[in-house]
C-alpha atoms as a PDB file:
ATOM      1  CA  ALA A   1     160.657 209.964  80.295  1.00  0.00           C
ATOM      2  CA  SER A   2     163.963 210.695  78.653  1.00  0.00           C
ATOM      3  CA  VAL A   3     164.441 207.272  76.987  1.00  0.00           C
ATOM      4  CA  ILE A   4     161.866 204.795  75.719  1.00  0.00           C
ATOM      5  CA  CYS A   5     163.088 201.350  74.643  1.00  0.00           C
ATOM      6  CA  THR A   6     160.833 199.335  72.353  1.00  0.00           C
ATOM      7  CA  ASP A   7     161.023 196.264  70.218  1.00  0.00           C
ATOM      8  CA  LYS A   8     160.062 196.108  66.570  1.00  0.00           C
ATOM      9  CA  THR A   9     158.406 192.682  66.441  1.00  0.00           C
ATOM     10  CA  GLY A  10     154.824 193.819  67.044  1.00  0.00           C
ATOM     11  CA  THR A  11     154.693 192.966  70.742  1.00  0.00           C
ATOM     12  CA  LEU A  12     154.073 196.583  71.729  1.00  0.00           C
ATOM     13  CA  THR A  13     152.350 197.922  68.626  1.00  0.00           C
ATOM     14  CA  GLN A  14     149.953 195.018  68.149  1.00  0.00           C
ATOM     15  CA  ASN A  15     150.197 193.330  71.561  1.00  0.00           C
ATOM     16  CA  GLN A  16     151.288 190.106  69.895  1.00  0.00           C
ATOM     17  CA  MET A  17     154.459 188.337  68.920  1.00  0.00           C
ATOM     18  CA  THR A  18     155.163 187.187  65.380  1.00  0.00           C
ATOM     19  CA  VAL A  19     157.318 184.459  63.889  1.00  0.00           C
ATOM     20  CA  ARG A  20     160.203 186.109  62.068  1.00  0.00           C
ATOM     21  CA  LYS A  21     162.554 183.283  61.071  1.00  0.00           C
ATOM     22  CA  VAL A  22     162.612 179.496  60.887  1.00  0.00           C
ATOM     23  CA  TRP A  23     165.547 177.097  60.907  1.00  0.00           C
ATOM     24  CA  ALA A  24     165.165 173.405  60.206  1.00  0.00           C
ATOM     25  CA  ALA A  25     167.921 170.799  60.277  1.00  0.00           C
ATOM     26  CA  ARG A  26     170.485 170.944  57.473  1.00  0.00           C
ATOM     27  CA  GLU A  27     169.161 174.253  56.180  1.00  0.00           C
ATOM     28  CA  LYS A  28     169.912 177.939  56.485  1.00  0.00           C
ATOM     29  CA  VAL A  29     167.852 180.272  58.642  1.00  0.00           C
ATOM     30  CA  GLN A  30     164.836 181.189  56.535  1.00  0.00           C
ATOM     31  CA  GLU A  31     163.246 184.623  56.475  1.00  0.00           C
ATOM     32  CA  LEU A  32     159.476 184.672  56.333  1.00  0.00           C
ATOM     33  CA  SER A  33     159.637 186.365  52.949  1.00  0.00           C
ATOM     34  CA  GLU A  34     160.994 183.085  51.573  1.00  0.00           C
ATOM     35  CA  LYS A  35     158.900 180.038  50.738  1.00  0.00           C
ATOM     36  CA  LEU A  36     159.381 177.603  53.591  1.00  0.00           C
ATOM     37  CA  SER A  37     161.020 174.300  52.738  1.00  0.00           C
ATOM     38  CA  ASP A  38     159.289 171.005  53.449  1.00  0.00           C
ATOM     39  CA  GLN A  39     161.417 170.668  56.592  1.00  0.00           C
ATOM     40  CA  GLY A  40     160.449 174.186  57.665  1.00  0.00           C
ATOM     41  CA  LEU A  41     156.764 173.360  57.176  1.00  0.00           C
ATOM     42  CA  HIS A  42     157.210 170.105  59.121  1.00  0.00           C
ATOM     43  CA  LEU A  43     158.817 172.027  61.981  1.00  0.00           C
ATOM     44  CA  LEU A  44     155.986 174.569  61.974  1.00  0.00           C
ATOM     45  CA  ARG A  45     153.402 171.759  61.995  1.00  0.00           C
ATOM     46  CA  LEU A  46     155.114 170.112  64.984  1.00  0.00           C
ATOM     47  CA  GLY A  47     155.402 173.429  66.834  1.00  0.00           C
ATOM     48  CA  THR A  48     151.688 174.062  66.282  1.00  0.00           C
ATOM     49  CA  LEU A  49     150.725 170.604  67.519  1.00  0.00           C
ATOM     50  CA  CYS A  50     152.841 171.183  70.647  1.00  0.00           C
ATOM     51  CA  SER A  51     151.045 174.435  71.507  1.00  0.00           C
ATOM     52  CA  ASP A  52     148.006 175.206  73.611  1.00  0.00           C
ATOM     53  CA  GLY A  53     147.579 178.731  72.209  1.00  0.00           C
ATOM     54  CA  ARG A  54     145.010 179.391  69.513  1.00  0.00           C
ATOM     55  CA  VAL A  55     143.940 182.089  67.075  1.00  0.00           C
ATOM     56  CA  GLU A  56     140.238 182.706  66.506  1.00  0.00           C
ATOM     57  CA  LEU A  57     138.271 185.001  64.262  1.00  0.00           C
ATOM     58  CA  SER A  58     135.729 187.129  66.097  1.00  0.00           C
ATOM     59  CA  ASP A  59     133.782 189.854  64.289  1.00  0.00           C
ATOM     60  CA  GLY A  60     136.334 189.785  61.481  1.00  0.00           C
ATOM     61  CA  GLU A  61     139.272 190.287  63.844  1.00  0.00           C
ATOM     62  CA  LYS A  62     141.881 187.746  64.873  1.00  0.00           C
ATOM     63  CA  ARG A  63     142.060 187.069  68.608  1.00  0.00           C
ATOM     64  CA  HIS A  64     145.169 185.452  70.034  1.00  0.00           C
ATOM     65  CA  ILE A  65     144.250 183.296  73.029  1.00  0.00           C
ATOM     66  CA  GLY A  66     146.994 181.908  75.218  1.00  0.00           C
ATOM     67  CA  ASP A  67     150.723 182.343  75.493  1.00  0.00           C
ATOM     68  CA  PRO A  68     151.943 184.979  72.985  1.00  0.00           C
ATOM     69  CA  THR A  69     154.829 182.803  71.809  1.00  0.00           C
ATOM     70  CA  GLU A  70     152.510 179.898  71.074  1.00  0.00           C
ATOM     71  CA  THR A  71     149.877 182.038  69.385  1.00  0.00           C
ATOM     72  CA  ALA A  72     152.587 183.471  67.127  1.00  0.00           C
ATOM     73  CA  ILE A  73     153.417 179.940  65.953  1.00  0.00           C
ATOM     74  CA  VAL A  74     149.750 179.058  65.476  1.00  0.00           C
ATOM     75  CA  ALA A  75     149.072 182.326  63.601  1.00  0.00           C
ATOM     76  CA  TYR A  76     151.985 181.763  61.235  1.00  0.00           C
ATOM     77  CA  ALA A  77     150.880 178.177  60.562  1.00  0.00           C
ATOM     78  CA  ARG A  78     147.402 179.508  59.826  1.00  0.00           C
ATOM     79  CA  LYS A  79     148.828 182.067  57.430  1.00  0.00           C
ATOM     80  CA  LEU A  80     150.409 179.175  55.518  1.00  0.00           C
ATOM     81  CA  GLY A  81     147.128 177.249  55.397  1.00  0.00           C
ATOM     82  CA  MET A  82     147.630 174.985  58.422  1.00  0.00           C
ATOM     83  CA  GLU A  83     144.634 175.431  60.711  1.00  0.00           C
ATOM     84  CA  LYS A  84     145.359 174.213  64.225  1.00  0.00           C
ATOM     85  CA  ALA A  85     141.939 172.562  64.550  1.00  0.00           C
ATOM     86  CA  ASP A  86     142.574 170.575  61.365  1.00  0.00           C
ATOM     87  CA  LEU A  87     146.032 169.553  62.561  1.00  0.00           C
ATOM     88  CA  GLN A  88     144.572 168.405  65.884  1.00  0.00           C
ATOM     89  CA  THR A  89     141.973 166.317  64.044  1.00  0.00           C
ATOM     90  CA  ASP A  90     144.527 164.821  61.651  1.00  0.00           C
ATOM     91  CA  PHE A  91     147.225 164.275  64.298  1.00  0.00           C
ATOM     92  CA  PRO A  92     145.428 163.882  67.658  1.00  0.00           C
ATOM     93  CA  ARG A  93     147.188 164.522  70.952  1.00  0.00           C
ATOM     94  CA  VAL A  94     147.193 161.376  73.086  1.00  0.00           C
ATOM     95  CA  GLY A  95     149.471 162.569  75.867  1.00  0.00           C
ATOM     96  CA  GLU A  96     151.090 165.707  77.191  1.00  0.00           C
ATOM     97  CA  ILE A  97     153.311 167.260  79.803  1.00  0.00           C
ATOM     98  CA  PRO A  98     152.326 170.935  80.104  1.00  0.00           C
ATOM     99  CA  PHE A  99     154.922 173.700  79.980  1.00  0.00           C
ATOM    100  CA  ASP A 100     156.691 174.068  83.283  1.00  0.00           C
ATOM    101  CA  SER A 101     158.842 177.107  84.060  1.00  0.00           C
ATOM    102  CA  ASP A 102     161.381 174.933  85.896  1.00  0.00           C
ATOM    103  CA  ARG A 103     161.611 172.430  83.049  1.00  0.00           C
ATOM    104  CA  LYS A 104     161.292 175.166  80.357  1.00  0.00           C
ATOM    105  CA  LEU A 105     159.702 172.635  78.008  1.00  0.00           C
ATOM    106  CA  MET A 106     156.294 171.460  76.830  1.00  0.00           C
ATOM    107  CA  THR A 107     155.773 167.929  75.553  1.00  0.00           C
ATOM    108  CA  THR A 108     152.959 166.313  73.609  1.00  0.00           C
ATOM    109  CA  VAL A 109     152.473 162.852  72.180  1.00  0.00           C
ATOM    110  CA  ASN A 110     150.583 162.854  68.883  1.00  0.00           C
ATOM    111  CA  LEU A 111     149.450 160.194  66.457  1.00  0.00           C
ATOM    112  CA  ILE A 112     150.880 160.868  63.008  1.00  0.00           C
ATOM    113  CA  GLY A 113     149.521 158.220  60.697  1.00  0.00           C
ATOM    114  CA  ASP A 114     150.047 154.912  62.469  1.00  0.00           C
ATOM    115  CA  ARG A 115     153.047 156.237  64.402  1.00  0.00           C
ATOM    116  CA  LYS A 116     153.324 157.857  67.809  1.00  0.00           C
ATOM    117  CA  VAL A 117     155.566 160.904  68.031  1.00  0.00           C
ATOM    118  CA  VAL A 118     156.769 162.831  71.061  1.00  0.00           C
ATOM    119  CA  ILE A 119     157.090 166.553  70.299  1.00  0.00           C
ATOM    120  CA  VAL A 120     158.999 168.809  72.674  1.00  0.00           C
ATOM    121  CA  LYS A 121     159.077 172.615  72.418  1.00  0.00           C
ATOM    122  CA  GLY A 122     160.990 175.001  74.623  1.00  0.00           C
ATOM    123  CA  ALA A 123     164.230 176.709  75.555  1.00  0.00           C
ATOM    124  CA  PRO A 124     166.978 175.756  73.079  1.00  0.00           C
ATOM    125  CA  ASP A 125     169.710 175.318  75.704  1.00  0.00           C
ATOM    126  CA  ILE A 126     167.556 172.910  77.704  1.00  0.00           C
ATOM    127  CA  LEU A 127     166.202 171.013  74.711  1.00  0.00           C
ATOM    128  CA  PHE A 128     169.563 170.675  72.939  1.00  0.00           C
ATOM    129  CA  SER A 129     171.020 169.024  76.027  1.00  0.00           C
ATOM    130  CA  ARG A 130     168.352 166.307  75.773  1.00  0.00           C
ATOM    131  CA  CYS A 131     168.705 165.558  72.055  1.00  0.00           C
ATOM    132  CA  THR A 132     170.215 162.214  71.093  1.00  0.00           C
ATOM    133  CA  SER A 133     170.598 162.846  67.360  1.00  0.00           C
ATOM    134  CA  GLY A 134     170.628 165.643  64.828  1.00  0.00           C
ATOM    135  CA  ASN A 135     173.173 168.321  63.995  1.00  0.00           C
ATOM    136  CA  LEU A 136     173.333 170.073  67.356  1.00  0.00           C
ATOM    137  CA  GLU A 137     176.293 172.215  66.323  1.00  0.00           C
ATOM    138  CA  ALA A 138     174.311 173.688  63.427  1.00  0.00           C
ATOM    139  CA  ALA A 139     171.276 174.120  65.683  1.00  0.00           C
ATOM    140  CA  GLU A 140     173.376 175.990  68.232  1.00  0.00           C
ATOM    141  CA  GLN A 141     174.778 178.229  65.475  1.00  0.00           C
ATOM    142  CA  ALA A 142     171.261 179.018  64.185  1.00  0.00           C
ATOM    143  CA  ASN A 143     170.138 179.725  67.755  1.00  0.00           C
ATOM    144  CA  ALA A 144     173.094 182.080  68.299  1.00  0.00           C
ATOM    145  CA  GLU A 145     172.468 183.851  64.977  1.00  0.00           C
ATOM    146  CA  MET A 146     168.836 184.531  65.825  1.00  0.00           C
ATOM    147  CA  ALA A 147     169.619 185.458  69.432  1.00  0.00           C
ATOM    148  CA  ARG A 148     172.163 188.046  68.201  1.00  0.00           C
ATOM    149  CA  GLU A 149     169.253 189.681  66.391  1.00  0.00           C
ATOM    150  CA  ALA A 150     167.368 189.860  69.721  1.00  0.00           C
ATOM    151  CA  LEU A 151     164.808 187.269  68.603  1.00  0.00           C
ATOM    152  CA  ARG A 152     163.174 184.968  71.129  1.00  0.00           C
ATOM    153  CA  VAL A 153     164.179 181.504  69.989  1.00  0.00           C
ATOM    154  CA  LEU A 154     162.264 178.298  70.629  1.00  0.00           C
ATOM    155  CA  ALA A 155     163.480 174.837  69.750  1.00  0.00           C
ATOM    156  CA  VAL A 156     161.274 171.974  68.600  1.00  0.00           C
ATOM    157  CA  ALA A 157     162.387 168.352  68.635  1.00  0.00           C
ATOM    158  CA  TYR A 158     160.610 165.076  68.034  1.00  0.00           C
ATOM    159  CA  LYS A 159     161.089 161.359  68.446  1.00  0.00           C
ATOM    160  CA  TYR A 160     159.020 158.390  67.343  1.00  0.00           C
ATOM    161  CA  ILE A 161     158.087 155.954  70.098  1.00  0.00           C
ATOM    162  CA  ASP A 162     156.556 152.486  70.109  1.00  0.00           C
ATOM    163  CA  GLU A 163     154.028 152.960  72.911  1.00  0.00           C
ATOM    164  CA  VAL A 164     152.420 155.908  74.650  1.00  0.00           C
ATOM    165  CA  PRO A 165     153.385 155.802  78.338  1.00  0.00           C
ATOM    166  CA  ALA A 166     150.490 155.016  80.693  1.00  0.00           C
ATOM    167  CA  GLU A 167     151.367 158.240  82.492  1.00  0.00           C
ATOM    168  CA  CYS A 168     153.284 161.041  80.769  1.00  0.00           C
ATOM    169  CA  LEU A 169     155.936 162.184  83.229  1.00  0.00           C
ATOM    170  CA  PRO A 170     158.939 164.470  82.634  1.00  0.00           C
ATOM    171  CA  GLU A 171     161.307 161.646  83.633  1.00  0.00           C
ATOM    172  CA  GLU A 172     159.923 159.536  80.791  1.00  0.00           C
END
């Protein structure tokens, strides 16, 4: 081989992705060396709830089980003291639409207190086009900033609803 191209995010060296930056509405892009704001923590909590990946300890070693992008979110939440199992107990999932490569989104419905919240995680360009509120211009700028740094960017959005649909369908 005359040229070897690698990334520097741990995917090759550790066979796992890592969260590098977080952006939450009305804030600047936060480096992981910074203390996450309350909005950043809320975003991380929602992203963890809308993930099927998990991180387990086995013989003193962490094992990432599932999609590498999702396990990176779950691992970072764990690092900040948010265990996925605890989040699932506190905010149970009552509906879901699994990730679909055509839709490029995953959706869950969780109970947060006495409220029902739809959480959607996926490709920013697809998710932004479905948002009905929020500062989309700032979100697009944050997405572009992180993409310029060759980071894989995921968007997370949420909406409170009155009732959980009898059947969770993408059209809903």
